[in-house]
Amino acid sequence: MMSKIDVKGAGKHDLYKHLIAETKGAEISWNFEKFLIGPDGKVISRYKPKTKPNDKKLLKAIENALSKL
C-alpha cells in the first residue's frame, strides 16, 4: 500500500508513468484499475476498474504467472 499519489496529470507518480507506458499508453480511467506485474517488474496484464478481484480471467492470469516462478 502507498500513500495517496497522483495517477493523472502533471504530478503523475513515476509508478503510473511506468504502468501506462508498459500498457501501450492508455491513461488510467478510474480508481481500482488493476495491473498484474511479474517478478521482473514488467506488466503481464491490465484490468478495468470494474473487474472484480475474484474475476475468473484475473485469477487464471495470476495462477498462470505464479506457475512460472
PDB file of N, CA and C in Angstrom:
ATOM      1  N   MET A   1       0.842  -1.170   0.000  1.00  0.00           N
ATOM      2  CA  MET A   1       0.000   0.000   0.000  1.00  0.00           C
ATOM      3  C   MET A   1       0.889   1.237   0.000  1.00  0.00           C
ATOM      4  N   MET A   2       0.348   2.286  -0.572  1.00  0.00           N
ATOM      5  CA  MET A   2       1.089   3.538  -0.661  1.00  0.00           C
ATOM      6  C   MET A   2       0.208   4.663  -0.142  1.00  0.00           C
ATOM      7  N   SER A   3       0.823   5.773   0.155  1.00  0.00           N
ATOM      8  CA  SER A   3       0.032   6.941   0.488  1.00  0.00           C
ATOM      9  C   SER A   3      -0.589   7.467  -0.798  1.00  0.00           C
ATOM     10  N   LYS A   4      -1.476   8.412  -0.676  1.00  0.00           N
ATOM     11  CA  LYS A   4      -2.158   8.968  -1.836  1.00  0.00           C
ATOM     12  C   LYS A   4      -1.138   9.579  -2.802  1.00  0.00           C
ATOM     13  N   ILE A   5      -1.273   9.226  -4.079  1.00  0.00           N
ATOM     14  CA  ILE A   5      -0.391   9.761  -5.117  1.00  0.00           C
ATOM     15  C   ILE A   5      -1.235  10.136  -6.329  1.00  0.00           C
ATOM     16  N   ASP A   6      -0.683  10.961  -7.199  1.00  0.00           N
ATOM     17  CA  ASP A   6      -1.375  11.335  -8.433  1.00  0.00           C
ATOM     18  C   ASP A   6      -1.180  10.247  -9.477  1.00  0.00           C
ATOM     19  N   VAL A   7      -2.268   9.878 -10.137  1.00  0.00           N
ATOM     20  CA  VAL A   7      -2.201   8.883 -11.199  1.00  0.00           C
ATOM     21  C   VAL A   7      -2.474   9.500 -12.568  1.00  0.00           C
ATOM     22  N   LYS A   8      -2.807  10.780 -12.572  1.00  0.00           N
ATOM     23  CA  LYS A   8      -3.064  11.522 -13.815  1.00  0.00           C
ATOM     24  C   LYS A   8      -2.463  12.915 -13.689  1.00  0.00           C
ATOM     25  N   GLY A   9      -2.291  13.552 -14.812  1.00  0.00           N
ATOM     26  CA  GLY A   9      -1.879  14.948 -14.816  1.00  0.00           C
ATOM     27  C   GLY A   9      -0.389  15.167 -14.652  1.00  0.00           C
ATOM     28  N   ALA A  10      -0.042  16.440 -14.431  1.00  0.00           N
ATOM     29  CA  ALA A  10       1.356  16.857 -14.381  1.00  0.00           C
ATOM     30  C   ALA A  10       2.131  16.216 -13.232  1.00  0.00           C
ATOM     31  N   GLY A  11       1.452  15.907 -12.137  1.00  0.00           N
ATOM     32  CA  GLY A  11       2.128  15.327 -10.980  1.00  0.00           C
ATOM     33  C   GLY A  11       2.070  13.816 -10.924  1.00  0.00           C
ATOM     34  N   LYS A  12       1.786  13.185 -12.053  1.00  0.00           N
ATOM     35  CA  LYS A  12       1.639  11.725 -12.104  1.00  0.00           C
ATOM     36  C   LYS A  12       2.878  11.037 -11.528  1.00  0.00           C
ATOM     37  N   HIS A  13       2.651  10.109 -10.638  1.00  0.00           N
ATOM     38  CA  HIS A  13       3.728   9.366  -9.983  1.00  0.00           C
ATOM     39  C   HIS A  13       4.467   8.503 -11.012  1.00  0.00           C
ATOM     40  N   ASP A  14       5.771   8.338 -10.799  1.00  0.00           N
ATOM     41  CA  ASP A  14       6.592   7.541 -11.722  1.00  0.00           C
ATOM     42  C   ASP A  14       6.084   6.107 -11.888  1.00  0.00           C
ATOM     43  N   LEU A  15       5.522   5.533 -10.834  1.00  0.00           N
ATOM     44  CA  LEU A  15       4.977   4.185 -10.940  1.00  0.00           C
ATOM     45  C   LEU A  15       3.909   4.127 -12.029  1.00  0.00           C
ATOM     46  N   TYR A  16       3.019   5.094 -12.028  1.00  0.00           N
ATOM     47  CA  TYR A  16       1.943   5.085 -13.019  1.00  0.00           C
ATOM     48  C   TYR A  16       2.439   5.467 -14.401  1.00  0.00           C
ATOM     49  N   LYS A  17       3.459   6.280 -14.474  1.00  0.00           N
ATOM     50  CA  LYS A  17       4.079   6.541 -15.778  1.00  0.00           C
ATOM     51  C   LYS A  17       4.593   5.232 -16.372  1.00  0.00           C
ATOM     52  N   HIS A  18       5.235   4.418 -15.530  1.00  0.00           N
ATOM     53  CA  HIS A  18       5.763   3.120 -15.970  1.00  0.00           C
ATOM     54  C   HIS A  18       4.631   2.173 -16.371  1.00  0.00           C
ATOM     55  N   LEU A  19       3.610   2.062 -15.522  1.00  0.00           N
ATOM     56  CA  LEU A  19       2.498   1.159 -15.814  1.00  0.00           C
ATOM     57  C   LEU A  19       1.786   1.541 -17.108  1.00  0.00           C
ATOM     58  N   ILE A  20       1.586   2.817 -17.320  1.00  0.00           N
ATOM     59  CA  ILE A  20       0.922   3.293 -18.532  1.00  0.00           C
ATOM     60  C   ILE A  20       1.789   3.017 -19.755  1.00  0.00           C
ATOM     61  N   ALA A  21       3.070   3.284 -19.645  1.00  0.00           N
ATOM     62  CA  ALA A  21       3.980   3.029 -20.769  1.00  0.00           C
ATOM     63  C   ALA A  21       4.015   1.543 -21.123  1.00  0.00           C
ATOM     64  N   GLU A  22       3.982   0.678 -20.112  1.00  0.00           N
ATOM     65  CA  GLU A  22       4.028  -0.767 -20.332  1.00  0.00           C
ATOM     66  C   GLU A  22       2.739  -1.313 -20.948  1.00  0.00           C
ATOM     67  N   THR A  23       1.656  -0.527 -20.877  1.00  0.00           N
ATOM     68  CA  THR A  23       0.366  -0.993 -21.398  1.00  0.00           C
ATOM     69  C   THR A  23      -0.098  -0.120 -22.562  1.00  0.00           C
ATOM     70  N   LYS A  24       0.824   0.230 -23.404  1.00  0.00           N
ATOM     71  CA  LYS A  24       0.559   0.943 -24.654  1.00  0.00           C
ATOM     72  C   LYS A  24      -0.015   2.348 -24.478  1.00  0.00           C
ATOM     73  N   GLY A  25       0.287   2.984 -23.355  1.00  0.00           N
ATOM     74  CA  GLY A  25      -0.026   4.389 -23.175  1.00  0.00           C
ATOM     75  C   GLY A  25      -1.450   4.766 -22.841  1.00  0.00           C
ATOM     76  N   ALA A  26      -2.329   3.806 -22.569  1.00  0.00           N
ATOM     77  CA  ALA A  26      -3.708   4.122 -22.202  1.00  0.00           C
ATOM     78  C   ALA A  26      -3.729   4.698 -20.787  1.00  0.00           C
ATOM     79  N   GLU A  27      -4.307   5.865 -20.630  1.00  0.00           N
ATOM     80  CA  GLU A  27      -4.358   6.511 -19.321  1.00  0.00           C
ATOM     81  C   GLU A  27      -5.199   5.703 -18.337  1.00  0.00           C
ATOM     82  N   ILE A  28      -4.993   5.952 -17.062  1.00  0.00           N
ATOM     83  CA  ILE A  28      -5.783   5.340 -16.008  1.00  0.00           C
ATOM     84  C   ILE A  28      -7.194   5.910 -16.122  1.00  0.00           C
ATOM     85  N   SER A  29      -8.190   5.039 -16.146  1.00  0.00           N
ATOM     86  CA  SER A  29      -9.554   5.520 -16.320  1.00  0.00           C
ATOM     87  C   SER A  29     -10.229   5.873 -15.001  1.00  0.00           C
ATOM     88  N   TRP A  30      -9.894   5.160 -13.932  1.00  0.00           N
ATOM     89  CA  TRP A  30     -10.531   5.399 -12.642  1.00  0.00           C
ATOM     90  C   TRP A  30      -9.800   4.602 -11.578  1.00  0.00           C
ATOM     91  N   ASN A  31     -10.082   4.910 -10.312  1.00  0.00           N
ATOM     92  CA  ASN A  31      -9.505   4.140  -9.209  1.00  0.00           C
ATOM     93  C   ASN A  31      -9.791   2.650  -9.414  1.00  0.00           C
ATOM     94  N   PHE A  32      -9.032   1.844  -8.795  1.00  0.00           N
ATOM     95  CA  PHE A  32      -9.194   0.392  -8.787  1.00  0.00           C
ATOM     96  C   PHE A  32      -8.834  -0.271 -10.111  1.00  0.00           C
ATOM     97  N   GLU A  33      -8.157   0.466 -10.994  1.00  0.00           N
ATOM     98  CA  GLU A  33      -7.589  -0.186 -12.175  1.00  0.00           C
ATOM     99  C   GLU A  33      -6.545  -1.163 -11.639  1.00  0.00           C
ATOM    100  N   LYS A  34      -6.476  -2.338 -12.232  1.00  0.00           N
ATOM    101  CA  LYS A  34      -5.592  -3.378 -11.707  1.00  0.00           C
ATOM    102  C   LYS A  34      -4.502  -3.724 -12.708  1.00  0.00           C
ATOM    103  N   PHE A  35      -3.311  -3.967 -12.193  1.00  0.00           N
ATOM    104  CA  PHE A  35      -2.173  -4.369 -13.014  1.00  0.00           C
ATOM    105  C   PHE A  35      -1.578  -5.621 -12.401  1.00  0.00           C
ATOM    106  N   LEU A  36      -1.374  -6.636 -13.217  1.00  0.00           N
ATOM    107  CA  LEU A  36      -0.669  -7.830 -12.778  1.00  0.00           C
ATOM    108  C   LEU A  36       0.771  -7.665 -13.227  1.00  0.00           C
ATOM    109  N   ILE A  37       1.684  -7.661 -12.263  1.00  0.00           N
ATOM    110  CA  ILE A  37       3.091  -7.373 -12.531  1.00  0.00           C
ATOM    111  C   ILE A  37       3.933  -8.591 -12.179  1.00  0.00           C
ATOM    112  N   GLY A  38       4.812  -8.972 -13.087  1.00  0.00           N
ATOM    113  CA  GLY A  38       5.684 -10.114 -12.876  1.00  0.00           C
ATOM    114  C   GLY A  38       6.850  -9.770 -11.973  1.00  0.00           C
ATOM    115  N   PRO A  39       7.603 -10.767 -11.554  1.00  0.00           N
ATOM    116  CA  PRO A  39       8.739 -10.543 -10.670  1.00  0.00           C
ATOM    117  C   PRO A  39       9.839  -9.692 -11.303  1.00  0.00           C
ATOM    118  N   ASP A  40       9.819  -9.582 -12.629  1.00  0.00           N
ATOM    119  CA  ASP A  40      10.800  -8.753 -13.329  1.00  0.00           C
ATOM    120  C   ASP A  40      10.359  -7.291 -13.446  1.00  0.00           C
ATOM    121  N   GLY A  41       9.178  -6.965 -12.895  1.00  0.00           N
ATOM    122  CA  GLY A  41       8.668  -5.600 -12.934  1.00  0.00           C
ATOM    123  C   GLY A  41       7.881  -5.266 -14.195  1.00  0.00           C
ATOM    124  N   LYS A  42       7.779  -6.211 -15.107  1.00  0.00           N
ATOM    125  CA  LYS A  42       7.023  -5.995 -16.347  1.00  0.00           C
ATOM    126  C   LYS A  42       5.543  -6.265 -16.098  1.00  0.00           C
ATOM    127  N   VAL A  43       4.703  -5.466 -16.761  1.00  0.00           N
ATOM    128  CA  VAL A  43       3.263  -5.652 -16.652  1.00  0.00           C
ATOM    129  C   VAL A  43       2.856  -6.869 -17.481  1.00  0.00           C
ATOM    130  N   ILE A  44       2.199  -7.811 -16.838  1.00  0.00           N
ATOM    131  CA  ILE A  44       1.702  -9.009 -17.517  1.00  0.00           C
ATOM    132  C   ILE A  44       0.349  -8.706 -18.148  1.00  0.00           C
ATOM    133  N   SER A  45      -0.520  -8.052 -17.382  1.00  0.00           N
ATOM    134  CA  SER A  45      -1.841  -7.702 -17.891  1.00  0.00           C
ATOM    135  C   SER A  45      -2.425  -6.560 -17.077  1.00  0.00           C
ATOM    136  N   ARG A  46      -3.468  -5.984 -17.655  1.00  0.00           N
ATOM    137  CA  ARG A  46      -4.130  -4.830 -17.045  1.00  0.00           C
ATOM    138  C   ARG A  46      -5.634  -5.071 -17.092  1.00  0.00           C
ATOM    139  N   TYR A  47      -6.317  -4.649 -16.031  1.00  0.00           N
ATOM    140  CA  TYR A  47      -7.745  -4.916 -15.899  1.00  0.00           C
ATOM    141  C   TYR A  47      -8.498  -3.637 -15.569  1.00  0.00           C
ATOM    142  N   LYS A  48      -9.664  -3.514 -16.153  1.00  0.00           N
ATOM    143  CA  LYS A  48     -10.533  -2.354 -15.947  1.00  0.00           C
ATOM    144  C   LYS A  48     -10.928  -2.237 -14.475  1.00  0.00           C
ATOM    145  N   PRO A  49     -11.284  -1.014 -14.043  1.00  0.00           N
ATOM    146  CA  PRO A  49     -11.656  -0.807 -12.642  1.00  0.00           C
ATOM    147  C   PRO A  49     -12.820  -1.677 -12.158  1.00  0.00           C
ATOM    148  N   LYS A  50     -13.750  -1.982 -13.038  1.00  0.00           N
ATOM    149  CA  LYS A  50     -14.911  -2.774 -12.612  1.00  0.00           C
ATOM    150  C   LYS A  50     -14.618  -4.272 -12.531  1.00  0.00           C
ATOM    151  N   THR A  51     -13.411  -4.689 -12.890  1.00  0.00           N
ATOM    152  CA  THR A  51     -13.040  -6.099 -12.766  1.00  0.00           C
ATOM    153  C   THR A  51     -12.982  -6.448 -11.284  1.00  0.00           C
ATOM    154  N   LYS A  52     -13.733  -7.452 -10.905  1.00  0.00           N
ATOM    155  CA  LYS A  52     -13.764  -7.890  -9.503  1.00  0.00           C
ATOM    156  C   LYS A  52     -12.477  -8.647  -9.167  1.00  0.00           C
ATOM    157  N   PRO A  53     -12.018  -8.564  -7.939  1.00  0.00           N
ATOM    158  CA  PRO A  53     -10.799  -9.285  -7.549  1.00  0.00           C
ATOM    159  C   PRO A  53     -10.904 -10.799  -7.742  1.00  0.00           C
ATOM    160  N   ASN A  54     -12.119 -11.340  -7.756  1.00  0.00           N
ATOM    161  CA  ASN A  54     -12.290 -12.776  -7.947  1.00  0.00           C
ATOM    162  C   ASN A  54     -12.727 -13.130  -9.374  1.00  0.00           C
ATOM    163  N   ASP A  55     -12.524 -12.210 -10.315  1.00  0.00           N
ATOM    164  CA  ASP A  55     -12.843 -12.456 -11.718  1.00  0.00           C
ATOM    165  C   ASP A  55     -12.066 -13.670 -12.230  1.00  0.00           C
ATOM    166  N   LYS A  56     -12.740 -14.552 -12.965  1.00  0.00           N
ATOM    167  CA  LYS A  56     -12.108 -15.802 -13.417  1.00  0.00           C
ATOM    168  C   LYS A  56     -10.881 -15.548 -14.287  1.00  0.00           C
ATOM    169  N   LYS A  57     -10.950 -14.578 -15.193  1.00  0.00           N
ATOM    170  CA  LYS A  57      -9.800 -14.293 -16.066  1.00  0.00           C
ATOM    171  C   LYS A  57      -8.619 -13.747 -15.257  1.00  0.00           C
ATOM    172  N   LEU A  58      -8.912 -12.887 -14.309  1.00  0.00           N
ATOM    173  CA  LEU A  58      -7.861 -12.331 -13.455  1.00  0.00           C
ATOM    174  C   LEU A  58      -7.210 -13.436 -12.623  1.00  0.00           C
ATOM    175  N   LEU A  59      -8.020 -14.267 -11.996  1.00  0.00           N
ATOM    176  CA  LEU A  59      -7.473 -15.355 -11.184  1.00  0.00           C
ATOM    177  C   LEU A  59      -6.655 -16.323 -12.027  1.00  0.00           C
ATOM    178  N   LYS A  60      -7.115 -16.620 -13.224  1.00  0.00           N
ATOM    179  CA  LYS A  60      -6.374 -17.518 -14.117  1.00  0.00           C
ATOM    180  C   LYS A  60      -5.022 -16.902 -14.483  1.00  0.00           C
ATOM    181  N   ALA A  61      -5.009 -15.602 -14.757  1.00  0.00           N
ATOM    182  CA  ALA A  61      -3.757 -14.923 -15.093  1.00  0.00           C
ATOM    183  C   ALA A  61      -2.789 -14.950 -13.910  1.00  0.00           C
ATOM    184  N   ILE A  62      -3.300 -14.768 -12.707  1.00  0.00           N
ATOM    185  CA  ILE A  62      -2.451 -14.819 -11.511  1.00  0.00           C
ATOM    186  C   ILE A  62      -1.884 -16.229 -11.332  1.00  0.00           C
ATOM    187  N   GLU A  63      -2.751 -17.223 -11.456  1.00  0.00           N
ATOM    188  CA  GLU A  63      -2.289 -18.609 -11.325  1.00  0.00           C
ATOM    189  C   GLU A  63      -1.239 -18.942 -12.379  1.00  0.00           C
ATOM    190  N   ASN A  64      -1.470 -18.492 -13.606  1.00  0.00           N
ATOM    191  CA  ASN A  64      -0.523 -18.747 -14.683  1.00  0.00           C
ATOM    192  C   ASN A  64       0.828 -18.090 -14.385  1.00  0.00           C
ATOM    193  N   ALA A  65       0.801 -16.854 -13.911  1.00  0.00           N
ATOM    194  CA  ALA A  65       2.042 -16.152 -13.578  1.00  0.00           C
ATOM    195  C   ALA A  65       2.781 -16.853 -12.435  1.00  0.00           C
ATOM    196  N   LEU A  66       2.044 -17.296 -11.426  1.00  0.00           N
ATOM    197  CA  LEU A  66       2.670 -17.979 -10.293  1.00  0.00           C
ATOM    198  C   LEU A  66       3.260 -19.323 -10.700  1.00  0.00           C
ATOM    199  N   SER A  67       2.637 -19.982 -11.665  1.00  0.00           N
ATOM    200  CA  SER A  67       3.140 -21.288 -12.093  1.00  0.00           C
ATOM    201  C   SER A  67       4.485 -21.180 -12.801  1.00  0.00           C
ATOM    202  N   LYS A  68       4.851 -19.981 -13.228  1.00  0.00           N
ATOM    203  CA  LYS A  68       6.121 -19.769 -13.946  1.00  0.00           C
ATOM    204  C   LYS A  68       7.267 -19.389 -13.014  1.00  0.00           C
ATOM    205  N   LEU A  69       6.982 -19.276 -11.728  1.00  0.00           N
ATOM    206  CA  LEU A  69       8.037 -18.914 -10.766  1.00  0.00           C
ATOM    207  C   LEU A  69       8.921 -20.091 -10.441  1.00  0.00           C
TER     208      LEU A  69
END
